[in-house]
Amino acid sequence: MTRFALLRLVQSLVSLFAITVIVFGLSHATGSPIDTMLPDDATTEQIAALSRNLGLDEPLWRQYLVFLGNALQGDFGMSLKWRGQSAMGVVLDRLPATLRLGGLALLISIAVAIPAGVVSAVRRGTWADHLVRGFALFGQSIPAFWLGIVLIWIFAVGLGWLPTSGHGGLAHMILPAISIAAFQIAALTRLTRSAMLEVLDTEYVKLARIKGASETAVVWRHAFANAAIVPLTYFGVLAGSVLTGSIVVETVFGWPGAGWLAIEAIRARDFPVIQAVVMFFALAFLLANVLVDLLYAWVDPRVRHG
């Protein structure tokens, strides 16, 4: 188990290093922030002075080494758009809003997908199975931002039940959380269904029925307890994608989280904030996958000995 854990840790560090290269390269490919910080009639001397002040006159490889060294300390520099604030400070200020929204989306995904997948497998071939499979196909086919706009049109504009946008309590979170969760519900439902179908045909499930166990005990205690290993492997992707999927949805609903912050930073070419947001999301995604891999290896010894 220790060897497996160390191997996954090394793989994650290599992935994180590759991410730093990609983040640095893409953030600089968007253009120079000087174009947005100085007026159109700025002189050459003003441009050169600001470039020296920001370190943008250095070669790219040297800028990357400085970025990497600072990133290891959690220092991404000062924000270019939000003056007087550090890039990581700006991200941390917006993070609680994203975590609340992502947490609700994650709860909705699990609460809907697991029962739906189990029912679809148990009622295979019935109208319930066809309904769940159709919903899963629909959920994986529609973009989150389009679903968000449709939900606003129906439940906020048409029915007036919920607010259209903004930051607030549970009422403000329901529509964006559903928009984020829709794709994850569909994917997790299909995984749960396929895993349950395999387990329901095993001998120990048939033996449980022969011994007179109730259908509820057979489905949840014997079948689902073993089928849950497959959806568990997707949980790391689910947790990470819920966070990263908030970027577009937060913009649609005007939710002032880290996703909305990323869009605003890109518009302003605020390199430090862009890098801080992407690195934070990447780190969260990697940690979630490592934890799930370790849990999976602990549940199924074949993984760590394979």
C-alpha atoms as a PDB file:
ATOM      1  CA  MET A   1       0.000   0.000   0.000  1.00  0.00           C
ATOM      2  CA  THR A   2       2.864   2.383   0.830  1.00  0.00           C
ATOM      3  CA  ARG A   3       4.536   1.715  -2.508  1.00  0.00           C
ATOM      4  CA  PHE A   4       1.271   2.323  -4.354  1.00  0.00           C
ATOM      5  CA  ALA A   5       0.697   5.576  -2.463  1.00  0.00           C
ATOM      6  CA  LEU A   6       4.212   6.832  -3.228  1.00  0.00           C
ATOM      7  CA  LEU A   7       3.811   5.946  -6.903  1.00  0.00           C
ATOM      8  CA  ARG A   8       0.551   7.892  -7.147  1.00  0.00           C
ATOM      9  CA  LEU A   9       2.140  10.839  -5.338  1.00  0.00           C
ATOM     10  CA  VAL A  10       5.050  10.937  -7.791  1.00  0.00           C
ATOM     11  CA  GLN A  11       2.660  10.729 -10.754  1.00  0.00           C
ATOM     12  CA  SER A  12       0.661  13.615  -9.327  1.00  0.00           C
ATOM     13  CA  LEU A  13       3.770  15.755  -8.885  1.00  0.00           C
ATOM     14  CA  VAL A  14       4.779  15.119 -12.504  1.00  0.00           C
ATOM     15  CA  SER A  15       1.272  16.052 -13.626  1.00  0.00           C
ATOM     16  CA  LEU A  16       1.383  19.199 -11.506  1.00  0.00           C
ATOM     17  CA  PHE A  17       4.695  20.226 -13.069  1.00  0.00           C
ATOM     18  CA  ALA A  18       3.236  19.747 -16.553  1.00  0.00           C
ATOM     19  CA  ILE A  19       0.231  21.828 -15.539  1.00  0.00           C
ATOM     20  CA  THR A  20       2.479  24.711 -14.432  1.00  0.00           C
ATOM     21  CA  VAL A  21       4.084  24.768 -17.887  1.00  0.00           C
ATOM     22  CA  ILE A  22       0.711  24.726 -19.638  1.00  0.00           C
ATOM     23  CA  VAL A  23      -0.793  27.376 -17.356  1.00  0.00           C
ATOM     24  CA  PHE A  24       2.180  29.684 -17.769  1.00  0.00           C
ATOM     25  CA  GLY A  25       2.215  29.268 -21.545  1.00  0.00           C
ATOM     26  CA  LEU A  26      -1.523  29.714 -22.084  1.00  0.00           C
ATOM     27  CA  SER A  27      -1.808  32.726 -19.784  1.00  0.00           C
ATOM     28  CA  HIS A  28       0.911  34.510 -21.757  1.00  0.00           C
ATOM     29  CA  ALA A  29      -0.620  33.446 -25.065  1.00  0.00           C
ATOM     30  CA  THR A  30      -3.699  35.575 -24.321  1.00  0.00           C
ATOM     31  CA  GLY A  31      -1.675  38.758 -24.849  1.00  0.00           C
ATOM     32  CA  SER A  32       0.116  41.318 -22.738  1.00  0.00           C
ATOM     33  CA  PRO A  33      -1.676  42.818 -19.697  1.00  0.00           C
ATOM     34  CA  ILE A  34       0.050  46.113 -20.490  1.00  0.00           C
ATOM     35  CA  ASP A  35      -2.487  46.663 -23.272  1.00  0.00           C
ATOM     36  CA  THR A  36      -5.271  46.842 -20.682  1.00  0.00           C
ATOM     37  CA  MET A  37      -3.316  48.714 -18.005  1.00  0.00           C
ATOM     38  CA  LEU A  38      -2.129  51.662 -20.101  1.00  0.00           C
ATOM     39  CA  PRO A  39      -4.111  54.019 -22.317  1.00  0.00           C
ATOM     40  CA  ASP A  40      -3.922  53.716 -26.100  1.00  0.00           C
ATOM     41  CA  ASP A  41      -1.734  56.812 -26.319  1.00  0.00           C
ATOM     42  CA  ALA A  42       0.891  55.502 -23.869  1.00  0.00           C
ATOM     43  CA  THR A  43       4.472  56.313 -24.812  1.00  0.00           C
ATOM     44  CA  THR A  44       7.194  53.795 -25.472  1.00  0.00           C
ATOM     45  CA  GLU A  45       8.923  54.831 -22.247  1.00  0.00           C
ATOM     46  CA  GLN A  46       5.763  54.177 -20.209  1.00  0.00           C
ATOM     47  CA  ILE A  47       5.348  50.755 -21.776  1.00  0.00           C
ATOM     48  CA  ALA A  48       8.989  49.856 -21.136  1.00  0.00           C
ATOM     49  CA  ALA A  49       8.829  51.057 -17.533  1.00  0.00           C
ATOM     50  CA  LEU A  50       5.710  49.012 -16.770  1.00  0.00           C
ATOM     51  CA  SER A  51       7.224  45.968 -18.465  1.00  0.00           C
ATOM     52  CA  ARG A  52      10.297  46.205 -16.233  1.00  0.00           C
ATOM     53  CA  ASN A  53       8.133  46.705 -13.152  1.00  0.00           C
ATOM     54  CA  LEU A  54       6.100  43.568 -13.919  1.00  0.00           C
ATOM     55  CA  GLY A  55       9.125  41.537 -15.027  1.00  0.00           C
ATOM     56  CA  LEU A  56       7.686  41.080 -18.506  1.00  0.00           C
ATOM     57  CA  ASP A  57      10.904  42.270 -20.146  1.00  0.00           C
ATOM     58  CA  GLU A  58      12.703  39.100 -19.001  1.00  0.00           C
ATOM     59  CA  PRO A  59      13.014  36.020 -21.250  1.00  0.00           C
ATOM     60  CA  LEU A  60      10.089  33.615 -20.989  1.00  0.00           C
ATOM     61  CA  TRP A  61      12.190  30.830 -19.445  1.00  0.00           C
ATOM     62  CA  ARG A  62      13.310  33.142 -16.668  1.00  0.00           C
ATOM     63  CA  GLN A  63       9.759  34.368 -16.113  1.00  0.00           C
ATOM     64  CA  TYR A  64       8.675  30.724 -15.822  1.00  0.00           C
ATOM     65  CA  LEU A  65      11.366  29.893 -13.258  1.00  0.00           C
ATOM     66  CA  VAL A  66      10.317  32.875 -11.172  1.00  0.00           C
ATOM     67  CA  PHE A  67       6.685  31.809 -11.509  1.00  0.00           C
ATOM     68  CA  LEU A  68       7.482  28.208 -10.515  1.00  0.00           C
ATOM     69  CA  GLY A  69       9.530  29.237  -7.487  1.00  0.00           C
ATOM     70  CA  ASN A  70       6.833  31.587  -6.265  1.00  0.00           C
ATOM     71  CA  ALA A  71       4.055  29.076  -6.991  1.00  0.00           C
ATOM     72  CA  LEU A  72       5.722  26.514  -4.727  1.00  0.00           C
ATOM     73  CA  GLN A  73       5.303  29.069  -1.937  1.00  0.00           C
ATOM     74  CA  GLY A  74       1.713  29.853  -2.895  1.00  0.00           C
ATOM     75  CA  ASP A  75       2.755  33.286  -4.146  1.00  0.00           C
ATOM     76  CA  PHE A  76       1.395  34.183  -7.574  1.00  0.00           C
ATOM     77  CA  GLY A  77       2.142  37.873  -7.284  1.00  0.00           C
ATOM     78  CA  MET A  78      -0.166  40.863  -7.065  1.00  0.00           C
ATOM     79  CA  SER A  79      -3.367  41.090  -9.066  1.00  0.00           C
ATOM     80  CA  LEU A  80      -3.228  43.428 -12.055  1.00  0.00           C
ATOM     81  CA  LYS A  81      -6.982  44.081 -12.060  1.00  0.00           C
ATOM     82  CA  TRP A  82      -7.722  44.143  -8.336  1.00  0.00           C
ATOM     83  CA  ARG A  83      -4.979  46.545  -7.299  1.00  0.00           C
ATOM     84  CA  GLY A  84      -3.436  46.154  -3.872  1.00  0.00           C
ATOM     85  CA  GLN A  85      -4.518  42.512  -3.487  1.00  0.00           C
ATOM     86  CA  SER A  86      -2.476  39.367  -3.960  1.00  0.00           C
ATOM     87  CA  ALA A  87      -3.636  36.952  -6.665  1.00  0.00           C
ATOM     88  CA  MET A  88      -4.079  34.086  -4.215  1.00  0.00           C
ATOM     89  CA  GLY A  89      -5.854  36.392  -1.785  1.00  0.00           C
ATOM     90  CA  VAL A  90      -8.371  37.329  -4.464  1.00  0.00           C
ATOM     91  CA  VAL A  91      -8.955  33.632  -5.236  1.00  0.00           C
ATOM     92  CA  LEU A  92      -9.366  32.684  -1.579  1.00  0.00           C
ATOM     93  CA  ASP A  93     -11.905  35.477  -1.118  1.00  0.00           C
ATOM     94  CA  ARG A  94     -14.047  34.018  -3.893  1.00  0.00           C
ATOM     95  CA  LEU A  95     -13.446  30.361  -3.051  1.00  0.00           C
ATOM     96  CA  PRO A  96     -16.123  29.901  -0.327  1.00  0.00           C
ATOM     97  CA  ALA A  97     -18.865  30.837  -2.799  1.00  0.00           C
ATOM     98  CA  THR A  98     -17.604  28.252  -5.300  1.00  0.00           C
ATOM     99  CA  LEU A  99     -17.244  25.563  -2.630  1.00  0.00           C
ATOM    100  CA  ARG A 100     -20.807  26.126  -1.437  1.00  0.00           C
ATOM    101  CA  LEU A 101     -22.150  25.923  -4.971  1.00  0.00           C
ATOM    102  CA  GLY A 102     -19.971  22.942  -5.868  1.00  0.00           C
ATOM    103  CA  GLY A 103     -20.854  21.148  -2.637  1.00  0.00           C
ATOM    104  CA  LEU A 104     -24.569  21.499  -3.335  1.00  0.00           C
ATOM    105  CA  ALA A 105     -24.068  20.301  -6.918  1.00  0.00           C
ATOM    106  CA  LEU A 106     -22.114  17.299  -5.626  1.00  0.00           C
ATOM    107  CA  LEU A 107     -24.860  16.399  -3.136  1.00  0.00           C
ATOM    108  CA  ILE A 108     -27.503  16.691  -5.854  1.00  0.00           C
ATOM    109  CA  SER A 109     -25.446  14.486  -8.182  1.00  0.00           C
ATOM    110  CA  ILE A 110     -25.038  11.706  -5.627  1.00  0.00           C
ATOM    111  CA  ALA A 111     -28.586  11.932  -4.246  1.00  0.00           C
ATOM    112  CA  VAL A 112     -30.135  11.634  -7.713  1.00  0.00           C
ATOM    113  CA  ALA A 113     -27.671   9.439  -9.625  1.00  0.00           C
ATOM    114  CA  ILE A 114     -27.199   6.567  -7.169  1.00  0.00           C
ATOM    115  CA  PRO A 115     -30.910   5.743  -6.642  1.00  0.00           C
ATOM    116  CA  ALA A 116     -31.651   6.310 -10.325  1.00  0.00           C
ATOM    117  CA  GLY A 117     -28.861   3.951 -11.419  1.00  0.00           C
ATOM    118  CA  VAL A 118     -29.925   1.271  -8.949  1.00  0.00           C
ATOM    119  CA  VAL A 119     -33.598   1.482  -9.962  1.00  0.00           C
ATOM    120  CA  SER A 120     -32.670   1.385 -13.651  1.00  0.00           C
ATOM    121  CA  ALA A 121     -30.626  -1.789 -13.141  1.00  0.00           C
ATOM    122  CA  VAL A 122     -33.173  -3.526 -10.929  1.00  0.00           C
ATOM    123  CA  ARG A 123     -36.052  -2.618 -13.296  1.00  0.00           C
ATOM    124  CA  ARG A 124     -34.085  -3.407 -16.427  1.00  0.00           C
ATOM    125  CA  GLY A 125     -36.164  -3.254 -19.601  1.00  0.00           C
ATOM    126  CA  THR A 126     -39.128  -1.514 -17.950  1.00  0.00           C
ATOM    127  CA  TRP A 127     -40.436   2.009 -18.505  1.00  0.00           C
ATOM    128  CA  ALA A 128     -38.428   3.161 -15.463  1.00  0.00           C
ATOM    129  CA  ASP A 129     -35.213   1.902 -17.039  1.00  0.00           C
ATOM    130  CA  HIS A 130     -35.969   3.593 -20.354  1.00  0.00           C
ATOM    131  CA  LEU A 131     -36.835   6.841 -18.558  1.00  0.00           C
ATOM    132  CA  VAL A 132     -33.576   6.861 -16.567  1.00  0.00           C
ATOM    133  CA  ARG A 133     -31.472   5.991 -19.611  1.00  0.00           C
ATOM    134  CA  GLY A 134     -33.160   8.706 -21.656  1.00  0.00           C
ATOM    135  CA  PHE A 135     -32.518  11.257 -18.913  1.00  0.00           C
ATOM    136  CA  ALA A 136     -28.863  10.164 -18.718  1.00  0.00           C
ATOM    137  CA  LEU A 137     -28.443  10.580 -22.472  1.00  0.00           C
ATOM    138  CA  PHE A 138     -30.089  13.993 -22.320  1.00  0.00           C
ATOM    139  CA  GLY A 139     -27.934  15.081 -19.382  1.00  0.00           C
ATOM    140  CA  GLN A 140     -24.697  14.171 -21.131  1.00  0.00           C
ATOM    141  CA  SER A 141     -25.706  15.889 -24.371  1.00  0.00           C
ATOM    142  CA  ILE A 142     -26.612  19.400 -23.255  1.00  0.00           C
ATOM    143  CA  PRO A 143     -24.063  22.116 -22.363  1.00  0.00           C
ATOM    144  CA  ALA A 144     -24.248  23.413 -18.809  1.00  0.00           C
ATOM    145  CA  PHE A 145     -24.496  27.058 -19.868  1.00  0.00           C
ATOM    146  CA  TRP A 146     -27.448  26.314 -22.181  1.00  0.00           C
ATOM    147  CA  LEU A 147     -29.240  24.398 -19.440  1.00  0.00           C
ATOM    148  CA  GLY A 148     -28.628  27.316 -17.091  1.00  0.00           C
ATOM    149  CA  ILE A 149     -30.215  29.775 -19.524  1.00  0.00           C
ATOM    150  CA  VAL A 150     -33.233  27.492 -20.003  1.00  0.00           C
ATOM    151  CA  LEU A 151     -33.671  27.087 -16.235  1.00  0.00           C
ATOM    152  CA  ILE A 152     -33.540  30.871 -15.792  1.00  0.00           C
ATOM    153  CA  TRP A 153     -36.152  31.314 -18.516  1.00  0.00           C
ATOM    154  CA  ILE A 154     -38.529  28.740 -17.008  1.00  0.00           C
ATOM    155  CA  PHE A 155     -38.166  29.016 -13.237  1.00  0.00           C
ATOM    156  CA  ALA A 156     -36.974  32.613 -12.810  1.00  0.00           C
ATOM    157  CA  VAL A 157     -38.509  34.605 -15.666  1.00  0.00           C
ATOM    158  CA  GLY A 158     -41.562  32.486 -16.470  1.00  0.00           C
ATOM    159  CA  LEU A 159     -42.674  31.147 -13.092  1.00  0.00           C
ATOM    160  CA  GLY A 160     -40.871  33.640 -10.863  1.00  0.00           C
ATOM    161  CA  TRP A 161     -40.030  30.963  -8.293  1.00  0.00           C
ATOM    162  CA  LEU A 162     -36.304  31.616  -8.051  1.00  0.00           C
ATOM    163  CA  PRO A 163     -33.945  34.575  -8.607  1.00  0.00           C
ATOM    164  CA  THR A 164     -32.302  34.920 -11.993  1.00  0.00           C
ATOM    165  CA  SER A 165     -28.789  35.613 -10.714  1.00  0.00           C
ATOM    166  CA  GLY A 166     -26.666  37.000  -7.918  1.00  0.00           C
ATOM    167  CA  HIS A 167     -25.230  35.809  -4.638  1.00  0.00           C
ATOM    168  CA  GLY A 168     -27.400  34.839  -1.698  1.00  0.00           C
ATOM    169  CA  GLY A 169     -28.960  31.898   0.094  1.00  0.00           C
ATOM    170  CA  LEU A 170     -30.221  28.534  -1.049  1.00  0.00           C
ATOM    171  CA  ALA A 171     -32.699  30.039  -3.514  1.00  0.00           C
ATOM    172  CA  HIS A 172     -29.845  31.653  -5.448  1.00  0.00           C
ATOM    173  CA  MET A 173     -27.907  28.363  -5.516  1.00  0.00           C
ATOM    174  CA  ILE A 174     -30.542  25.918  -6.752  1.00  0.00           C
ATOM    175  CA  LEU A 175     -30.515  26.723 -10.485  1.00  0.00           C
ATOM    176  CA  PRO A 176     -26.720  27.011 -10.914  1.00  0.00           C
ATOM    177  CA  ALA A 177     -26.189  23.866  -8.825  1.00  0.00           C
ATOM    178  CA  ILE A 178     -28.594  21.903 -11.034  1.00  0.00           C
ATOM    179  CA  SER A 179     -26.850  23.233 -14.144  1.00  0.00           C
ATOM    180  CA  ILE A 180     -23.497  22.002 -12.854  1.00  0.00           C
ATOM    181  CA  ALA A 181     -24.859  18.683 -11.599  1.00  0.00           C
ATOM    182  CA  ALA A 182     -26.812  17.649 -14.713  1.00  0.00           C
ATOM    183  CA  PHE A 183     -23.871  16.179 -16.623  1.00  0.00           C
ATOM    184  CA  GLN A 184     -22.470  14.492 -13.513  1.00  0.00           C
ATOM    185  CA  ILE A 185     -25.843  12.955 -12.675  1.00  0.00           C
ATOM    186  CA  ALA A 186     -26.038  11.451 -16.143  1.00  0.00           C
ATOM    187  CA  ALA A 187     -22.517  10.004 -16.062  1.00  0.00           C
ATOM    188  CA  LEU A 188     -22.781   8.660 -12.509  1.00  0.00           C
ATOM    189  CA  THR A 189     -26.199   7.143 -13.228  1.00  0.00           C
ATOM    190  CA  ARG A 190     -24.890   5.187 -16.205  1.00  0.00           C
ATOM    191  CA  LEU A 191     -21.874   3.945 -14.235  1.00  0.00           C
ATOM    192  CA  THR A 192     -24.040   2.849 -11.322  1.00  0.00           C
ATOM    193  CA  ARG A 193     -26.460   1.080 -13.644  1.00  0.00           C
ATOM    194  CA  SER A 194     -23.766  -0.858 -15.496  1.00  0.00           C
ATOM    195  CA  ALA A 195     -22.041  -1.848 -12.244  1.00  0.00           C
ATOM    196  CA  MET A 196     -25.309  -3.018 -10.706  1.00  0.00           C
ATOM    197  CA  LEU A 197     -26.198  -5.089 -13.786  1.00  0.00           C
ATOM    198  CA  GLU A 198     -22.938  -7.001 -13.476  1.00  0.00           C
ATOM    199  CA  VAL A 199     -23.366  -7.631  -9.757  1.00  0.00           C
ATOM    200  CA  LEU A 200     -27.038  -8.644  -9.931  1.00  0.00           C
ATOM    201  CA  ASP A 201     -26.082 -11.647 -12.091  1.00  0.00           C
ATOM    202  CA  THR A 202     -23.465 -12.974  -9.645  1.00  0.00           C
ATOM    203  CA  GLU A 203     -23.884 -16.168  -7.645  1.00  0.00           C
ATOM    204  CA  TYR A 204     -23.807 -14.583  -4.204  1.00  0.00           C
ATOM    205  CA  VAL A 205     -26.745 -12.321  -5.082  1.00  0.00           C
ATOM    206  CA  LYS A 206     -28.713 -15.336  -6.300  1.00  0.00           C
ATOM    207  CA  LEU A 207     -27.763 -17.171  -3.095  1.00  0.00           C
ATOM    208  CA  ALA A 208     -29.030 -14.275  -0.983  1.00  0.00           C
ATOM    209  CA  ARG A 209     -32.390 -14.493  -2.740  1.00  0.00           C
ATOM    210  CA  ILE A 210     -32.524 -18.267  -2.263  1.00  0.00           C
ATOM    211  CA  LYS A 211     -31.905 -17.831   1.474  1.00  0.00           C
ATOM    212  CA  GLY A 212     -34.982 -15.620   1.642  1.00  0.00           C
ATOM    213  CA  ALA A 213     -33.387 -12.194   2.036  1.00  0.00           C
ATOM    214  CA  SER A 214     -35.731  -9.313   1.293  1.00  0.00           C
ATOM    215  CA  GLU A 215     -35.390  -7.592  -2.068  1.00  0.00           C
ATOM    216  CA  THR A 216     -34.267  -4.408  -0.353  1.00  0.00           C
ATOM    217  CA  ALA A 217     -31.481  -6.259   1.472  1.00  0.00           C
ATOM    218  CA  VAL A 218     -30.440  -8.060  -1.716  1.00  0.00           C
ATOM    219  CA  VAL A 219     -30.256  -4.849  -3.744  1.00  0.00           C
ATOM    220  CA  TRP A 220     -28.592  -2.533  -1.232  1.00  0.00           C
ATOM    221  CA  ARG A 221     -26.695  -4.750   1.207  1.00  0.00           C
ATOM    222  CA  HIS A 222     -25.424  -7.414  -1.179  1.00  0.00           C
ATOM    223  CA  ALA A 223     -25.502  -5.936  -4.705  1.00  0.00           C
ATOM    224  CA  PHE A 224     -24.890  -2.226  -4.254  1.00  0.00           C
ATOM    225  CA  ALA A 225     -22.242  -2.724  -1.558  1.00  0.00           C
ATOM    226  CA  ASN A 226     -20.073  -4.476  -4.169  1.00  0.00           C
ATOM    227  CA  ALA A 227     -21.151  -2.423  -7.189  1.00  0.00           C
ATOM    228  CA  ALA A 228     -20.254   0.832  -5.401  1.00  0.00           C
ATOM    229  CA  ILE A 229     -16.563   0.260  -6.160  1.00  0.00           C
ATOM    230  CA  VAL A 230     -17.077   1.284  -9.799  1.00  0.00           C
ATOM    231  CA  PRO A 231     -18.837   4.622  -9.109  1.00  0.00           C
ATOM    232  CA  LEU A 232     -16.244   5.268  -6.421  1.00  0.00           C
ATOM    233  CA  THR A 233     -13.523   5.472  -9.061  1.00  0.00           C
ATOM    234  CA  TYR A 234     -15.469   8.248 -10.778  1.00  0.00           C
ATOM    235  CA  PHE A 235     -15.889  10.260  -7.599  1.00  0.00           C
ATOM    236  CA  GLY A 236     -12.495  11.955  -7.995  1.00  0.00           C
ATOM    237  CA  VAL A 237     -13.402  13.095 -11.496  1.00  0.00           C
ATOM    238  CA  LEU A 238     -16.829  14.106 -10.222  1.00  0.00           C
ATOM    239  CA  ALA A 239     -15.463  16.261  -7.391  1.00  0.00           C
ATOM    240  CA  GLY A 240     -12.908  17.951  -9.638  1.00  0.00           C
ATOM    241  CA  SER A 241     -15.228  18.541 -12.563  1.00  0.00           C
ATOM    242  CA  VAL A 242     -17.881  20.042 -10.295  1.00  0.00           C
ATOM    243  CA  LEU A 243     -15.368  22.744  -9.351  1.00  0.00           C
ATOM    244  CA  THR A 244     -14.028  23.341 -12.850  1.00  0.00           C
ATOM    245  CA  GLY A 245     -17.526  23.173 -14.344  1.00  0.00           C
ATOM    246  CA  SER A 246     -18.520  26.140 -12.234  1.00  0.00           C
ATOM    247  CA  ILE A 247     -16.542  28.557 -14.408  1.00  0.00           C
ATOM    248  CA  VAL A 248     -19.129  28.981 -17.172  1.00  0.00           C
ATOM    249  CA  VAL A 249     -22.164  28.437 -14.938  1.00  0.00           C
ATOM    250  CA  GLU A 250     -21.064  31.093 -12.445  1.00  0.00           C
ATOM    251  CA  THR A 251     -20.774  33.559 -15.304  1.00  0.00           C
ATOM    252  CA  VAL A 252     -24.275  32.752 -16.561  1.00  0.00           C
ATOM    253  CA  PHE A 253     -25.822  33.216 -13.115  1.00  0.00           C
ATOM    254  CA  GLY A 254     -23.582  36.063 -11.964  1.00  0.00           C
ATOM    255  CA  TRP A 255     -22.398  33.956  -9.024  1.00  0.00           C
ATOM    256  CA  PRO A 256     -19.288  35.699  -7.597  1.00  0.00           C
ATOM    257  CA  GLY A 257     -17.129  32.626  -7.126  1.00  0.00           C
ATOM    258  CA  ALA A 258     -13.721  31.515  -8.343  1.00  0.00           C
ATOM    259  CA  GLY A 259     -15.152  30.525 -11.733  1.00  0.00           C
ATOM    260  CA  TRP A 260     -16.565  34.004 -12.340  1.00  0.00           C
ATOM    261  CA  LEU A 261     -13.239  35.392 -11.131  1.00  0.00           C
ATOM    262  CA  ALA A 262     -11.373  33.356 -13.757  1.00  0.00           C
ATOM    263  CA  ILE A 263     -13.472  34.820 -16.581  1.00  0.00           C
ATOM    264  CA  GLU A 264     -12.964  38.368 -15.306  1.00  0.00           C
ATOM    265  CA  ALA A 265      -9.210  37.775 -14.964  1.00  0.00           C
ATOM    266  CA  ILE A 266      -9.002  36.455 -18.533  1.00  0.00           C
ATOM    267  CA  ARG A 267     -10.816  39.524 -19.847  1.00  0.00           C
ATOM    268  CA  ALA A 268      -8.384  41.784 -17.997  1.00  0.00           C
ATOM    269  CA  ARG A 269      -5.370  39.606 -18.897  1.00  0.00           C
ATOM    270  CA  ASP A 270      -4.602  39.385 -15.200  1.00  0.00           C
ATOM    271  CA  PHE A 271      -1.874  36.717 -15.420  1.00  0.00           C
ATOM    272  CA  PRO A 272      -1.359  36.240 -11.660  1.00  0.00           C
ATOM    273  CA  VAL A 273      -5.050  35.645 -10.924  1.00  0.00           C
ATOM    274  CA  ILE A 274      -5.492  33.371 -13.964  1.00  0.00           C
ATOM    275  CA  GLN A 275      -2.548  31.282 -12.860  1.00  0.00           C
ATOM    276  CA  ALA A 276      -3.719  31.158  -9.246  1.00  0.00           C
ATOM    277  CA  VAL A 277      -7.238  30.041 -10.187  1.00  0.00           C
ATOM    278  CA  VAL A 278      -6.137  27.366 -12.641  1.00  0.00           C
ATOM    279  CA  MET A 279      -3.414  26.032 -10.340  1.00  0.00           C
ATOM    280  CA  PHE A 280      -5.848  25.842  -7.445  1.00  0.00           C
ATOM    281  CA  PHE A 281      -8.423  23.954  -9.528  1.00  0.00           C
ATOM    282  CA  ALA A 282      -5.726  21.641 -10.896  1.00  0.00           C
ATOM    283  CA  LEU A 283      -4.404  20.916  -7.423  1.00  0.00           C
ATOM    284  CA  ALA A 284      -7.906  20.198  -6.124  1.00  0.00           C
ATOM    285  CA  PHE A 285      -8.546  17.873  -9.074  1.00  0.00           C
ATOM    286  CA  LEU A 286      -5.289  15.976  -8.510  1.00  0.00           C
ATOM    287  CA  LEU A 287      -5.824  15.636  -4.759  1.00  0.00           C
ATOM    288  CA  ALA A 288      -9.349  14.331  -5.267  1.00  0.00           C
ATOM    289  CA  ASN A 289      -8.112  11.695  -7.717  1.00  0.00           C
ATOM    290  CA  VAL A 290      -5.235  10.636  -5.464  1.00  0.00           C
ATOM    291  CA  LEU A 291      -7.547  10.226  -2.478  1.00  0.00           C
ATOM    292  CA  VAL A 292     -10.006   8.186  -4.547  1.00  0.00           C
ATOM    293  CA  ASP A 293      -7.203   5.990  -5.911  1.00  0.00           C
ATOM    294  CA  LEU A 294      -5.938   5.314  -2.381  1.00  0.00           C
ATOM    295  CA  LEU A 295      -9.443   4.535  -1.169  1.00  0.00           C
ATOM    296  CA  TYR A 296     -10.026   2.272  -4.158  1.00  0.00           C
ATOM    297  CA  ALA A 297      -6.760   0.435  -3.483  1.00  0.00           C
ATOM    298  CA  TRP A 298      -7.757  -0.002   0.152  1.00  0.00           C
ATOM    299  CA  VAL A 299     -11.186  -1.386  -0.811  1.00  0.00           C
ATOM    300  CA  ASP A 300      -9.874  -3.622  -3.612  1.00  0.00           C
ATOM    301  CA  PRO A 301      -6.368  -5.063  -2.918  1.00  0.00           C
ATOM    302  CA  ARG A 302      -6.039  -6.179  -6.552  1.00  0.00           C
ATOM    303  CA  VAL A 303      -5.430  -2.558  -7.539  1.00  0.00           C
ATOM    304  CA  ARG A 304      -2.347  -2.045  -5.400  1.00  0.00           C
ATOM    305  CA  HIS A 305      -0.932  -5.470  -6.230  1.00  0.00           C
ATOM    306  CA  GLY A 306      -1.697  -5.245  -9.956  1.00  0.00           C
END
